[in-house]
N, C-alpha and C. Protein backbone atom coordinates (compact mmCIF):
# COMPACT_ATOMS: atom_id res chain seq x y z
N GLU A 1 -15.39 3.07 3.92
CA GLU A 1 -14.69 1.89 4.41
C GLU A 1 -15.41 1.39 5.66
N VAL A 2 -15.68 0.09 5.66
CA VAL A 2 -16.38 -0.53 6.79
C VAL A 2 -15.57 -1.74 7.23
N TRP A 3 -15.39 -1.86 8.54
CA TRP A 3 -14.73 -3.03 9.11
C TRP A 3 -15.76 -3.81 9.89
N LEU A 4 -15.84 -5.10 9.62
CA LEU A 4 -16.77 -5.98 10.32
C LEU A 4 -15.96 -7.05 11.05
N VAL A 5 -16.08 -7.07 12.36
CA VAL A 5 -15.41 -8.09 13.15
C VAL A 5 -16.31 -9.31 13.17
N ASN A 6 -15.87 -10.35 12.51
CA ASN A 6 -16.64 -11.59 12.39
C ASN A 6 -16.18 -12.54 13.49
N LEU A 7 -16.85 -12.48 14.63
CA LEU A 7 -16.43 -13.30 15.78
C LEU A 7 -16.60 -14.80 15.54
N PRO A 8 -17.70 -15.27 14.95
CA PRO A 8 -17.82 -16.72 14.73
C PRO A 8 -16.69 -17.28 13.85
N GLN A 9 -16.26 -16.52 12.85
CA GLN A 9 -15.20 -16.97 11.94
C GLN A 9 -13.81 -16.54 12.39
N LYS A 10 -13.75 -15.72 13.45
CA LYS A 10 -12.48 -15.21 14.00
C LYS A 10 -11.65 -14.53 12.93
N CYS A 11 -12.28 -13.59 12.23
CA CYS A 11 -11.59 -12.84 11.19
C CYS A 11 -12.12 -11.41 11.14
N LEU A 12 -11.49 -10.59 10.33
CA LEU A 12 -11.90 -9.22 10.11
C LEU A 12 -12.24 -9.07 8.63
N GLU A 13 -13.43 -8.57 8.34
CA GLU A 13 -13.84 -8.32 6.96
C GLU A 13 -13.79 -6.82 6.72
N VAL A 14 -13.14 -6.41 5.65
CA VAL A 14 -13.00 -5.00 5.31
C VAL A 14 -13.68 -4.75 3.97
N TYR A 15 -14.58 -3.79 3.97
CA TYR A 15 -15.34 -3.43 2.77
C TYR A 15 -14.95 -2.01 2.37
N ARG A 16 -14.51 -1.86 1.10
CA ARG A 16 -14.03 -0.56 0.62
C ARG A 16 -14.66 -0.24 -0.73
N GLN A 17 -14.69 1.04 -1.02
CA GLN A 17 -15.19 1.58 -2.28
C GLN A 17 -16.64 1.18 -2.53
N PRO A 18 -17.55 1.77 -1.75
CA PRO A 18 -18.97 1.44 -1.91
C PRO A 18 -19.51 1.88 -3.27
N THR A 19 -20.42 1.07 -3.80
CA THR A 19 -21.12 1.39 -5.04
C THR A 19 -22.61 1.18 -4.79
N ALA A 20 -23.41 1.42 -5.79
CA ALA A 20 -24.85 1.22 -5.67
C ALA A 20 -25.20 -0.26 -5.46
N ASN A 21 -24.29 -1.15 -5.88
CA ASN A 21 -24.55 -2.59 -5.81
C ASN A 21 -23.75 -3.31 -4.72
N GLY A 22 -23.13 -2.56 -3.84
CA GLY A 22 -22.33 -3.17 -2.78
C GLY A 22 -20.97 -2.50 -2.70
N TYR A 23 -19.94 -3.29 -2.46
CA TYR A 23 -18.58 -2.76 -2.33
C TYR A 23 -17.70 -3.37 -3.41
N GLU A 24 -16.84 -2.52 -4.00
CA GLU A 24 -15.92 -3.00 -5.04
C GLU A 24 -14.85 -3.91 -4.46
N ILE A 25 -14.38 -3.57 -3.26
CA ILE A 25 -13.30 -4.34 -2.65
C ILE A 25 -13.79 -4.94 -1.34
N VAL A 26 -13.69 -6.24 -1.22
CA VAL A 26 -14.02 -6.96 0.01
C VAL A 26 -12.81 -7.83 0.34
N GLN A 27 -12.24 -7.61 1.52
CA GLN A 27 -11.06 -8.36 1.94
C GLN A 27 -11.34 -9.03 3.28
N THR A 28 -10.78 -10.21 3.46
CA THR A 28 -10.88 -10.92 4.73
C THR A 28 -9.48 -11.09 5.29
N PHE A 29 -9.30 -10.70 6.55
CA PHE A 29 -8.02 -10.80 7.23
C PHE A 29 -8.14 -11.79 8.37
N GLN A 30 -7.14 -12.64 8.50
CA GLN A 30 -7.12 -13.68 9.52
C GLN A 30 -6.13 -13.29 10.63
N ARG A 31 -6.19 -14.04 11.74
CA ARG A 31 -5.23 -13.82 12.82
C ARG A 31 -3.81 -13.86 12.26
N GLY A 32 -2.96 -12.98 12.78
CA GLY A 32 -1.58 -12.91 12.32
C GLY A 32 -1.37 -11.92 11.19
N GLU A 33 -2.46 -11.43 10.59
CA GLU A 33 -2.35 -10.47 9.50
C GLU A 33 -2.52 -9.05 10.02
N THR A 34 -2.03 -8.10 9.24
CA THR A 34 -2.08 -6.68 9.59
C THR A 34 -2.97 -5.96 8.61
N VAL A 35 -3.73 -4.98 9.12
CA VAL A 35 -4.63 -4.20 8.28
C VAL A 35 -4.44 -2.72 8.62
N ALA A 36 -4.64 -1.86 7.62
CA ALA A 36 -4.52 -0.42 7.80
C ALA A 36 -5.80 0.27 7.37
N ILE A 37 -6.10 1.36 8.03
CA ILE A 37 -7.23 2.20 7.63
C ILE A 37 -6.84 2.86 6.32
N GLN A 38 -7.70 2.83 5.34
CA GLN A 38 -7.38 3.36 4.01
C GLN A 38 -7.01 4.84 4.07
N ALA A 39 -7.72 5.63 4.87
CA ALA A 39 -7.46 7.07 4.96
C ALA A 39 -6.21 7.39 5.78
N LEU A 40 -5.76 6.44 6.61
CA LEU A 40 -4.58 6.63 7.46
C LEU A 40 -3.67 5.41 7.34
N PRO A 41 -3.02 5.24 6.20
CA PRO A 41 -2.27 4.00 5.95
C PRO A 41 -1.08 3.76 6.88
N ASN A 42 -0.62 4.79 7.58
CA ASN A 42 0.49 4.61 8.51
C ASN A 42 0.05 4.03 9.84
N ILE A 43 -1.25 3.96 10.07
CA ILE A 43 -1.79 3.38 11.30
C ILE A 43 -2.25 1.96 10.99
N THR A 44 -1.62 1.00 11.63
CA THR A 44 -1.96 -0.40 11.36
C THR A 44 -2.40 -1.11 12.64
N PHE A 45 -3.15 -2.17 12.44
CA PHE A 45 -3.61 -3.03 13.52
C PHE A 45 -3.42 -4.47 13.08
N THR A 46 -3.19 -5.34 14.02
CA THR A 46 -3.21 -6.76 13.69
C THR A 46 -4.61 -7.28 14.01
N VAL A 47 -4.99 -8.32 13.32
CA VAL A 47 -6.29 -8.93 13.59
C VAL A 47 -6.32 -9.45 15.03
N ASP A 48 -5.19 -9.91 15.52
CA ASP A 48 -5.11 -10.39 16.90
C ASP A 48 -5.43 -9.27 17.89
N GLU A 49 -4.94 -8.06 17.62
CA GLU A 49 -5.24 -6.92 18.50
C GLU A 49 -6.73 -6.62 18.52
N ILE A 50 -7.37 -6.75 17.38
CA ILE A 50 -8.80 -6.44 17.27
C ILE A 50 -9.65 -7.52 17.92
N LEU A 51 -9.31 -8.78 17.67
CA LEU A 51 -10.11 -9.89 18.21
C LEU A 51 -9.82 -10.17 19.68
N GLY A 52 -8.62 -9.85 20.12
CA GLY A 52 -8.25 -10.19 21.49
C GLY A 52 -7.94 -11.67 21.61
N ASP A 53 -7.93 -12.15 22.83
CA ASP A 53 -7.59 -13.56 23.06
C ASP A 53 -8.77 -14.47 22.87
């Protein structure tokens, strides 16, 4: 699992389930949304917390 903070687009990109050709799951989260670490689903963050003001 890889999280990429995309500052120009003000979003969080999450890449999961790597394969030889890339990642099976690619998700984009916007401000106001919540994301969890796949291995620790009870721990959540908001995109706002990650990006700051």
